[in-house]
């Protein structure tokens, strides 16, 4: 397992809102067990898990598997408020990093998810390899911390002794 060092003292997932990408529940990504543990922590009120508005839009699409929709049921979802000029510049940087040389229509939603969470300074949990590969640049661009479900659980467990 790869350990990702976010900062000397990682933010305790209990003290922030944790945002999920819809693909975090992809059973083919090898992270489904960790994602289910995250949901259990959410349902037992130990952490807050929310869905960015742009992810909610994806989940509402007819092509989204029923299991994924059911797993996301009962979660909070965040609105995307209007942007300041400085935030618009950050958004453009995030979009440039995520989309790169790809077709904007293929990656614009991912860029929107990342930017939304970066504005709120929470964790963004995903199994999207493109986003995971670009997480250092995205953190620098907008402050987002991108993790896999397993990495998030590791931080959750590491920060537990700090409570008290």
N, C-alpha and C. Protein backbone atom coordinates (compact mmCIF):
# COMPACT_ATOMS: atom_id res chain seq x y z
N UNK A 1 0.84 -1.18 0.00
CA UNK A 1 0.00 0.00 0.00
C UNK A 1 0.88 1.24 0.00
N UNK A 2 0.53 2.21 -0.80
CA UNK A 2 1.25 3.47 -0.87
C UNK A 2 0.70 4.40 0.19
N UNK A 3 1.60 5.01 0.95
CA UNK A 3 1.19 5.97 1.96
C UNK A 3 1.40 7.36 1.38
N UNK A 4 0.40 8.18 1.47
CA UNK A 4 0.49 9.54 0.96
C UNK A 4 0.63 10.48 2.14
N UNK A 5 1.71 11.24 2.15
CA UNK A 5 1.93 12.21 3.21
C UNK A 5 1.36 13.54 2.75
N UNK A 6 0.33 13.98 3.41
CA UNK A 6 -0.36 15.20 3.03
C UNK A 6 0.31 16.41 3.67
N UNK A 7 0.59 16.31 4.91
CA UNK A 7 1.27 17.35 5.67
C UNK A 7 1.70 16.72 6.98
N UNK A 8 2.48 17.43 7.72
CA UNK A 8 3.00 16.88 8.97
C UNK A 8 1.88 16.35 9.86
N UNK A 9 0.84 17.12 10.05
CA UNK A 9 -0.33 16.70 10.83
C UNK A 9 -1.54 16.75 9.91
N UNK A 10 -1.93 15.61 9.37
CA UNK A 10 -3.06 15.63 8.44
C UNK A 10 -4.34 16.08 9.14
N UNK A 11 -5.19 16.70 8.37
CA UNK A 11 -6.49 17.14 8.87
C UNK A 11 -7.29 15.92 9.28
N UNK A 12 -7.84 15.97 10.48
CA UNK A 12 -8.65 14.87 10.99
C UNK A 12 -9.95 14.81 10.18
N UNK A 13 -10.23 13.67 9.53
CA UNK A 13 -11.46 13.55 8.74
C UNK A 13 -12.73 13.78 9.55
N UNK A 14 -12.65 13.67 10.89
CA UNK A 14 -13.81 13.91 11.74
C UNK A 14 -14.13 15.40 11.86
N UNK A 15 -13.15 16.25 11.51
CA UNK A 15 -13.29 17.69 11.71
C UNK A 15 -13.46 18.46 10.40
N UNK A 16 -13.75 17.76 9.33
CA UNK A 16 -13.98 18.40 8.04
C UNK A 16 -15.07 17.64 7.30
N UNK A 17 -15.48 18.20 6.21
CA UNK A 17 -16.42 17.48 5.35
C UNK A 17 -15.60 16.74 4.32
N UNK A 18 -15.92 15.48 4.12
CA UNK A 18 -15.21 14.61 3.19
C UNK A 18 -16.10 14.41 1.97
N UNK A 19 -15.56 14.69 0.79
CA UNK A 19 -16.36 14.65 -0.43
C UNK A 19 -16.01 13.42 -1.25
N UNK A 20 -17.04 12.75 -1.75
CA UNK A 20 -16.84 11.53 -2.54
C UNK A 20 -17.09 11.76 -4.02
N UNK A 21 -16.25 11.14 -4.81
CA UNK A 21 -16.47 11.05 -6.25
C UNK A 21 -17.35 9.82 -6.46
N UNK A 22 -18.18 9.84 -7.47
CA UNK A 22 -19.07 8.70 -7.71
C UNK A 22 -18.29 7.42 -8.01
N UNK A 23 -17.11 7.55 -8.59
CA UNK A 23 -16.33 6.34 -8.92
C UNK A 23 -15.67 5.72 -7.69
N UNK A 24 -15.74 6.36 -6.53
CA UNK A 24 -15.15 5.78 -5.31
C UNK A 24 -15.82 4.46 -4.95
N UNK A 25 -17.02 4.23 -5.48
CA UNK A 25 -17.74 2.99 -5.20
C UNK A 25 -17.60 1.96 -6.31
N UNK A 26 -16.72 2.22 -7.25
CA UNK A 26 -16.53 1.30 -8.37
C UNK A 26 -15.96 -0.01 -7.84
N UNK A 27 -16.72 -1.10 -7.92
CA UNK A 27 -16.23 -2.37 -7.37
C UNK A 27 -15.02 -2.93 -8.11
N UNK A 28 -14.73 -2.42 -9.29
CA UNK A 28 -13.61 -2.92 -10.08
C UNK A 28 -12.31 -2.18 -9.76
N UNK A 29 -12.36 -1.18 -8.92
CA UNK A 29 -11.17 -0.37 -8.64
C UNK A 29 -10.37 -0.89 -7.45
N UNK A 30 -10.82 -1.94 -6.79
CA UNK A 30 -10.08 -2.51 -5.67
C UNK A 30 -10.21 -1.71 -4.38
N UNK A 31 -11.10 -0.75 -4.34
CA UNK A 31 -11.25 0.10 -3.16
C UNK A 31 -12.65 0.01 -2.55
N UNK A 32 -13.46 -0.91 -3.02
CA UNK A 32 -14.85 -0.97 -2.58
C UNK A 32 -14.98 -1.25 -1.09
N UNK A 33 -14.12 -2.10 -0.55
CA UNK A 33 -14.21 -2.41 0.89
C UNK A 33 -13.91 -1.17 1.73
N UNK A 34 -12.88 -0.41 1.35
CA UNK A 34 -12.56 0.82 2.06
C UNK A 34 -13.69 1.83 1.93
N UNK A 35 -14.28 1.92 0.74
CA UNK A 35 -15.40 2.85 0.52
C UNK A 35 -16.59 2.47 1.40
N UNK A 36 -16.85 1.18 1.53
CA UNK A 36 -17.95 0.73 2.40
C UNK A 36 -17.68 1.06 3.88
N UNK A 37 -16.42 0.95 4.30
CA UNK A 37 -16.06 1.32 5.68
C UNK A 37 -16.27 2.81 5.90
N UNK A 38 -15.94 3.61 4.88
CA UNK A 38 -16.19 5.05 4.98
C UNK A 38 -17.67 5.32 5.18
N UNK A 39 -18.49 4.65 4.38
CA UNK A 39 -19.94 4.84 4.50
C UNK A 39 -20.44 4.43 5.88
N UNK A 40 -19.89 3.36 6.41
CA UNK A 40 -20.30 2.92 7.76
C UNK A 40 -19.95 4.00 8.79
N UNK A 41 -18.80 4.62 8.65
CA UNK A 41 -18.42 5.71 9.56
C UNK A 41 -19.37 6.90 9.40
N UNK A 42 -19.79 7.16 8.18
CA UNK A 42 -20.75 8.25 7.93
C UNK A 42 -22.10 7.92 8.56
N UNK A 43 -22.58 6.70 8.35
CA UNK A 43 -23.89 6.32 8.89
C UNK A 43 -23.91 6.22 10.41
N UNK A 44 -22.72 6.03 11.01
CA UNK A 44 -22.65 6.00 12.47
C UNK A 44 -22.31 7.39 13.03
N UNK A 45 -22.38 8.40 12.17
CA UNK A 45 -22.17 9.81 12.55
C UNK A 45 -20.76 10.11 13.09
N UNK A 46 -19.78 9.33 12.66
CA UNK A 46 -18.40 9.61 13.07
C UNK A 46 -17.72 10.61 12.13
N UNK A 47 -18.19 10.66 10.90
CA UNK A 47 -17.66 11.61 9.91
C UNK A 47 -18.81 12.13 9.06
N UNK A 48 -18.56 13.24 8.39
CA UNK A 48 -19.53 13.77 7.44
C UNK A 48 -19.00 13.52 6.04
N UNK A 49 -19.79 12.82 5.25
CA UNK A 49 -19.44 12.59 3.86
C UNK A 49 -20.50 13.28 3.02
N UNK A 50 -20.03 14.05 2.06
CA UNK A 50 -20.93 14.79 1.18
C UNK A 50 -20.55 14.51 -0.26
N UNK A 51 -21.42 14.93 -1.13
CA UNK A 51 -21.20 14.75 -2.57
C UNK A 51 -21.21 16.14 -3.20
N UNK A 52 -20.15 16.50 -3.93
CA UNK A 52 -20.19 17.79 -4.63
C UNK A 52 -21.38 17.83 -5.58
N UNK A 53 -21.93 19.02 -5.80
CA UNK A 53 -23.08 19.18 -6.68
C UNK A 53 -22.81 18.57 -8.05
N UNK A 54 -21.61 18.73 -8.57
CA UNK A 54 -21.29 18.20 -9.89
C UNK A 54 -21.32 16.67 -9.89
N UNK A 55 -20.98 16.03 -8.78
CA UNK A 55 -21.07 14.56 -8.68
C UNK A 55 -22.54 14.15 -8.57
N UNK A 56 -23.32 14.92 -7.83
CA UNK A 56 -24.75 14.62 -7.71
C UNK A 56 -25.40 14.61 -9.09
N UNK A 57 -25.01 15.53 -9.94
CA UNK A 57 -25.54 15.59 -11.30
C UNK A 57 -25.21 14.30 -12.05
N UNK A 58 -23.99 13.78 -11.88
CA UNK A 58 -23.61 12.50 -12.51
C UNK A 58 -24.45 11.36 -11.97
N UNK A 59 -24.64 11.34 -10.66
CA UNK A 59 -25.41 10.25 -10.04
C UNK A 59 -26.86 10.23 -10.50
N UNK A 60 -27.38 11.39 -10.84
CA UNK A 60 -28.77 11.48 -11.29
C UNK A 60 -28.96 11.03 -12.74
N UNK A 61 -27.87 10.79 -13.46
CA UNK A 61 -27.97 10.36 -14.86
C UNK A 61 -28.52 8.93 -14.93
N UNK A 62 -29.28 8.66 -15.96
CA UNK A 62 -29.91 7.34 -16.12
C UNK A 62 -28.89 6.21 -16.21
N UNK A 63 -27.69 6.47 -16.71
CA UNK A 63 -26.69 5.42 -16.88
C UNK A 63 -25.95 5.03 -15.61
N UNK A 64 -26.19 5.74 -14.51
CA UNK A 64 -25.50 5.42 -13.26
C UNK A 64 -26.09 4.13 -12.68
N UNK A 65 -25.24 3.15 -12.35
CA UNK A 65 -25.75 1.89 -11.80
C UNK A 65 -26.57 2.13 -10.53
N UNK A 66 -27.61 1.35 -10.37
CA UNK A 66 -28.52 1.47 -9.23
C UNK A 66 -27.75 1.32 -7.91
N UNK A 67 -26.81 0.39 -7.86
CA UNK A 67 -26.04 0.17 -6.62
C UNK A 67 -25.30 1.44 -6.20
N UNK A 68 -24.73 2.16 -7.16
CA UNK A 68 -24.01 3.39 -6.85
C UNK A 68 -24.98 4.44 -6.32
N UNK A 69 -26.14 4.55 -6.95
CA UNK A 69 -27.15 5.51 -6.48
C UNK A 69 -27.59 5.17 -5.06
N UNK A 70 -27.79 3.89 -4.79
CA UNK A 70 -28.24 3.48 -3.45
C UNK A 70 -27.18 3.76 -2.40
N UNK A 71 -25.91 3.52 -2.74
CA UNK A 71 -24.83 3.78 -1.79
C UNK A 71 -24.74 5.26 -1.44
N UNK A 72 -25.05 6.11 -2.39
CA UNK A 72 -24.94 7.55 -2.15
C UNK A 72 -26.19 8.13 -1.49
N UNK A 73 -27.21 7.32 -1.31
CA UNK A 73 -28.44 7.80 -0.69
C UNK A 73 -28.21 8.25 0.74
N UNK A 74 -28.87 9.30 1.12
CA UNK A 74 -28.77 9.80 2.49
C UNK A 74 -27.55 10.66 2.76
N UNK A 75 -26.77 10.97 1.73
CA UNK A 75 -25.61 11.84 1.92
C UNK A 75 -25.99 13.28 1.64
N UNK A 76 -25.23 14.16 2.26
CA UNK A 76 -25.39 15.58 1.97
C UNK A 76 -24.79 15.86 0.60
N UNK A 77 -25.26 16.90 -0.04
CA UNK A 77 -24.59 17.33 -1.25
C UNK A 77 -24.47 18.83 -1.22
N UNK A 78 -23.40 19.32 -1.81
CA UNK A 78 -23.03 20.72 -1.71
C UNK A 78 -23.41 21.50 -2.96
N UNK A 79 -23.89 22.71 -2.75
CA UNK A 79 -24.17 23.61 -3.86
C UNK A 79 -22.87 24.28 -4.31
N UNK A 80 -22.84 24.68 -5.55
CA UNK A 80 -21.69 25.43 -6.08
C UNK A 80 -22.06 26.90 -6.14
N UNK A 81 -21.62 27.72 -5.17
CA UNK A 81 -21.97 29.14 -5.18
C UNK A 81 -21.23 29.90 -6.27
N UNK A 82 -21.61 31.15 -6.47
CA UNK A 82 -20.96 31.96 -7.50
C UNK A 82 -19.50 32.22 -7.12
N UNK A 83 -18.69 32.55 -8.12
CA UNK A 83 -17.25 32.68 -7.94
C UNK A 83 -16.80 34.13 -7.89
N UNK A 84 -15.77 34.37 -7.09
CA UNK A 84 -15.09 35.66 -7.10
C UNK A 84 -14.12 35.65 -8.28
N UNK A 85 -13.58 36.80 -8.68
CA UNK A 85 -12.60 36.81 -9.77
C UNK A 85 -11.37 35.93 -9.47
N UNK A 86 -10.89 35.93 -8.23
CA UNK A 86 -9.74 35.09 -7.87
C UNK A 86 -10.08 33.61 -7.98
N UNK A 87 -11.29 33.25 -7.57
CA UNK A 87 -11.73 31.86 -7.67
C UNK A 87 -11.88 31.44 -9.13
N UNK A 88 -12.32 32.35 -9.97
CA UNK A 88 -12.45 32.04 -11.40
C UNK A 88 -11.08 31.70 -11.99
N UNK A 89 -10.05 32.40 -11.57
CA UNK A 89 -8.68 32.12 -12.05
C UNK A 89 -8.25 30.74 -11.56
N UNK A 90 -8.51 30.43 -10.29
CA UNK A 90 -8.18 29.10 -9.76
C UNK A 90 -8.92 28.01 -10.53
N UNK A 91 -10.19 28.26 -10.81
CA UNK A 91 -10.99 27.29 -11.54
C UNK A 91 -10.38 27.02 -12.91
N UNK A 92 -9.95 28.05 -13.59
CA UNK A 92 -9.33 27.88 -14.90
C UNK A 92 -8.04 27.07 -14.81
N UNK A 93 -7.25 27.29 -13.75
CA UNK A 93 -6.02 26.50 -13.54
C UNK A 93 -6.36 25.03 -13.32
N UNK A 94 -7.35 24.78 -12.48
CA UNK A 94 -7.77 23.40 -12.20
C UNK A 94 -8.24 22.73 -13.48
N UNK A 95 -9.07 23.41 -14.24
CA UNK A 95 -9.57 22.84 -15.49
C UNK A 95 -8.42 22.54 -16.44
N UNK A 96 -7.44 23.43 -16.51
CA UNK A 96 -6.29 23.21 -17.39
C UNK A 96 -5.50 21.97 -16.97
N UNK A 97 -5.31 21.78 -15.68
CA UNK A 97 -4.56 20.62 -15.17
C UNK A 97 -5.33 19.33 -15.44
N UNK A 98 -6.60 19.31 -15.09
CA UNK A 98 -7.39 18.08 -15.23
C UNK A 98 -7.60 17.71 -16.69
N UNK A 99 -7.96 18.67 -17.51
CA UNK A 99 -8.28 18.38 -18.90
C UNK A 99 -7.02 18.15 -19.71
N UNK A 100 -5.96 18.91 -19.44
CA UNK A 100 -4.71 18.74 -20.18
C UNK A 100 -4.95 18.79 -21.67
N UNK A 101 -4.46 17.77 -22.38
CA UNK A 101 -4.63 17.70 -23.83
C UNK A 101 -5.88 16.92 -24.23
N UNK A 102 -6.67 16.52 -23.25
CA UNK A 102 -7.86 15.73 -23.55
C UNK A 102 -9.01 16.58 -24.05
N UNK A 103 -10.08 15.91 -24.39
CA UNK A 103 -11.28 16.60 -24.85
C UNK A 103 -12.00 17.17 -23.64
N UNK A 104 -12.29 18.46 -23.64
CA UNK A 104 -12.95 19.07 -22.48
C UNK A 104 -14.24 18.35 -22.06
N UNK A 105 -15.02 17.90 -23.02
CA UNK A 105 -16.28 17.25 -22.67
C UNK A 105 -16.08 15.95 -21.91
N UNK A 106 -14.89 15.35 -22.04
CA UNK A 106 -14.61 14.09 -21.33
C UNK A 106 -14.16 14.31 -19.89
N UNK A 107 -13.61 15.49 -19.58
CA UNK A 107 -12.99 15.68 -18.27
C UNK A 107 -13.48 16.92 -17.52
N UNK A 108 -14.40 17.65 -18.12
CA UNK A 108 -14.89 18.87 -17.49
C UNK A 108 -15.58 18.58 -16.16
N UNK A 109 -16.35 17.50 -16.09
CA UNK A 109 -17.03 17.16 -14.83
C UNK A 109 -16.02 16.87 -13.73
N UNK A 110 -14.96 16.13 -14.05
CA UNK A 110 -13.92 15.84 -13.05
C UNK A 110 -13.28 17.14 -12.55
N UNK A 111 -13.00 18.05 -13.47
CA UNK A 111 -12.40 19.34 -13.08
C UNK A 111 -13.34 20.10 -12.16
N UNK A 112 -14.63 20.03 -12.45
CA UNK A 112 -15.62 20.71 -11.61
C UNK A 112 -15.65 20.11 -10.20
N UNK A 113 -15.60 18.78 -10.10
CA UNK A 113 -15.59 18.11 -8.79
C UNK A 113 -14.40 18.60 -7.96
N UNK A 114 -13.23 18.56 -8.58
CA UNK A 114 -11.99 18.93 -7.88
C UNK A 114 -12.04 20.38 -7.41
N UNK A 115 -12.45 21.26 -8.31
CA UNK A 115 -12.50 22.67 -7.94
C UNK A 115 -13.49 22.92 -6.81
N UNK A 116 -14.66 22.31 -6.89
CA UNK A 116 -15.68 22.47 -5.85
C UNK A 116 -15.14 22.10 -4.47
N UNK A 117 -14.46 20.97 -4.40
CA UNK A 117 -13.94 20.51 -3.11
C UNK A 117 -12.77 21.38 -2.67
N UNK A 118 -11.93 21.79 -3.62
CA UNK A 118 -10.81 22.67 -3.28
C UNK A 118 -11.28 23.98 -2.64
N UNK A 119 -12.41 24.48 -3.07
CA UNK A 119 -12.96 25.71 -2.47
C UNK A 119 -13.33 25.49 -1.01
N UNK A 120 -13.69 24.28 -0.67
CA UNK A 120 -14.17 24.00 0.68
C UNK A 120 -13.08 23.41 1.59
N UNK A 121 -11.93 23.09 1.03
CA UNK A 121 -10.77 22.58 1.79
C UNK A 121 -11.02 21.26 2.49
N UNK A 122 -11.83 20.43 1.91
CA UNK A 122 -12.03 19.10 2.48
C UNK A 122 -11.21 18.07 1.72
N UNK A 123 -11.43 16.83 2.03
CA UNK A 123 -10.81 15.73 1.29
C UNK A 123 -11.70 15.35 0.12
N UNK A 124 -11.10 15.00 -1.01
CA UNK A 124 -11.84 14.48 -2.15
C UNK A 124 -11.40 13.05 -2.35
N UNK A 125 -12.32 12.12 -2.18
CA UNK A 125 -12.01 10.70 -2.23
C UNK A 125 -12.46 10.14 -3.57
N UNK A 126 -11.50 9.53 -4.28
CA UNK A 126 -11.77 9.02 -5.62
C UNK A 126 -10.86 7.84 -5.92
N UNK A 127 -11.19 7.12 -6.98
CA UNK A 127 -10.30 6.08 -7.50
C UNK A 127 -9.91 6.42 -8.95
N UNK A 128 -10.23 7.64 -9.37
CA UNK A 128 -9.92 8.09 -10.72
C UNK A 128 -8.41 8.27 -10.87
N UNK A 129 -7.78 7.41 -11.65
CA UNK A 129 -6.33 7.44 -11.83
C UNK A 129 -5.81 8.75 -12.37
N UNK A 130 -6.54 9.38 -13.27
CA UNK A 130 -6.10 10.67 -13.82
C UNK A 130 -6.00 11.72 -12.72
N UNK A 131 -7.00 11.77 -11.85
CA UNK A 131 -6.97 12.75 -10.77
C UNK A 131 -5.91 12.40 -9.73
N UNK A 132 -5.77 11.13 -9.43
CA UNK A 132 -4.75 10.72 -8.46
C UNK A 132 -3.35 11.04 -8.97
N UNK A 133 -3.12 10.87 -10.26
CA UNK A 133 -1.81 11.17 -10.85
C UNK A 133 -1.50 12.67 -10.81
N UNK A 134 -2.52 13.50 -10.79
CA UNK A 134 -2.33 14.95 -10.85
C UNK A 134 -2.58 15.63 -9.51
N UNK A 135 -2.68 14.87 -8.44
CA UNK A 135 -3.10 15.44 -7.16
C UNK A 135 -2.15 16.49 -6.61
N UNK A 136 -0.86 16.35 -6.81
CA UNK A 136 0.07 17.36 -6.29
C UNK A 136 -0.15 18.70 -6.98
N UNK A 137 -0.29 18.68 -8.29
CA UNK A 137 -0.52 19.93 -9.04
C UNK A 137 -1.87 20.53 -8.67
N UNK A 138 -2.87 19.68 -8.47
CA UNK A 138 -4.21 20.18 -8.12
C UNK A 138 -4.23 20.76 -6.71
N UNK A 139 -3.49 20.15 -5.79
CA UNK A 139 -3.40 20.70 -4.44
C UNK A 139 -2.77 22.09 -4.48
N UNK A 140 -1.74 22.23 -5.28
CA UNK A 140 -1.08 23.53 -5.41
C UNK A 140 -2.02 24.56 -6.05
N UNK A 141 -2.81 24.12 -7.01
CA UNK A 141 -3.69 25.04 -7.74
C UNK A 141 -4.88 25.52 -6.92
N UNK A 142 -5.47 24.63 -6.11
CA UNK A 142 -6.69 25.04 -5.41
C UNK A 142 -6.81 24.55 -3.97
N UNK A 143 -5.80 23.84 -3.47
CA UNK A 143 -5.83 23.40 -2.08
C UNK A 143 -6.52 22.07 -1.83
N UNK A 144 -7.01 21.42 -2.87
CA UNK A 144 -7.72 20.16 -2.70
C UNK A 144 -6.75 19.05 -2.29
N UNK A 145 -7.20 18.17 -1.42
CA UNK A 145 -6.42 16.99 -1.04
C UNK A 145 -7.19 15.78 -1.59
N UNK A 146 -6.56 15.10 -2.55
CA UNK A 146 -7.21 13.97 -3.23
C UNK A 146 -6.62 12.67 -2.69
N UNK A 147 -7.50 11.76 -2.28
CA UNK A 147 -7.10 10.49 -1.69
C UNK A 147 -7.94 9.35 -2.25
N UNK A 148 -7.39 8.14 -2.16
CA UNK A 148 -8.20 6.95 -2.41
C UNK A 148 -8.95 6.64 -1.11
N UNK A 149 -9.98 5.81 -1.15
CA UNK A 149 -10.66 5.44 0.10
C UNK A 149 -9.70 4.81 1.12
N UNK A 150 -8.77 3.98 0.68
CA UNK A 150 -7.82 3.36 1.60
C UNK A 150 -6.91 4.40 2.25
N UNK A 151 -6.43 5.36 1.48
CA UNK A 151 -5.58 6.42 2.04
C UNK A 151 -6.36 7.25 3.06
N UNK A 152 -7.63 7.53 2.75
CA UNK A 152 -8.46 8.28 3.67
C UNK A 152 -8.64 7.51 4.98
N UNK A 153 -8.91 6.21 4.89
CA UNK A 153 -9.07 5.39 6.10
C UNK A 153 -7.80 5.38 6.93
N UNK A 154 -6.66 5.36 6.28
CA UNK A 154 -5.37 5.40 6.99
C UNK A 154 -5.27 6.69 7.80
N UNK A 155 -5.62 7.80 7.20
CA UNK A 155 -5.59 9.08 7.91
C UNK A 155 -6.61 9.08 9.05
N UNK A 156 -7.78 8.53 8.80
CA UNK A 156 -8.80 8.44 9.84
C UNK A 156 -8.24 7.68 11.05
N UNK A 157 -7.58 6.57 10.80
CA UNK A 157 -7.03 5.76 11.89
C UNK A 157 -5.84 6.44 12.55
N UNK A 158 -5.00 7.11 11.77
CA UNK A 158 -3.82 7.80 12.33
C UNK A 158 -4.21 8.97 13.22
N UNK A 159 -5.30 9.64 12.90
CA UNK A 159 -5.69 10.81 13.67
C UNK A 159 -6.52 10.46 14.90
N UNK A 160 -6.98 9.23 15.02
CA UNK A 160 -7.80 8.82 16.16
C UNK A 160 -7.11 9.07 17.50
N UNK A 161 -5.81 8.72 17.65
CA UNK A 161 -5.16 8.95 18.95
C UNK A 161 -5.03 10.45 19.28
N UNK A 162 -5.15 11.31 18.28
CA UNK A 162 -5.02 12.74 18.51
C UNK A 162 -6.27 13.33 19.15
N UNK A 163 -7.34 12.58 19.15
CA UNK A 163 -8.58 13.06 19.76
C UNK A 163 -8.47 13.01 21.27
N UNK A 164 -9.19 13.88 21.89
CA UNK A 164 -9.18 13.76 23.34
C UNK A 164 -9.47 15.01 24.07
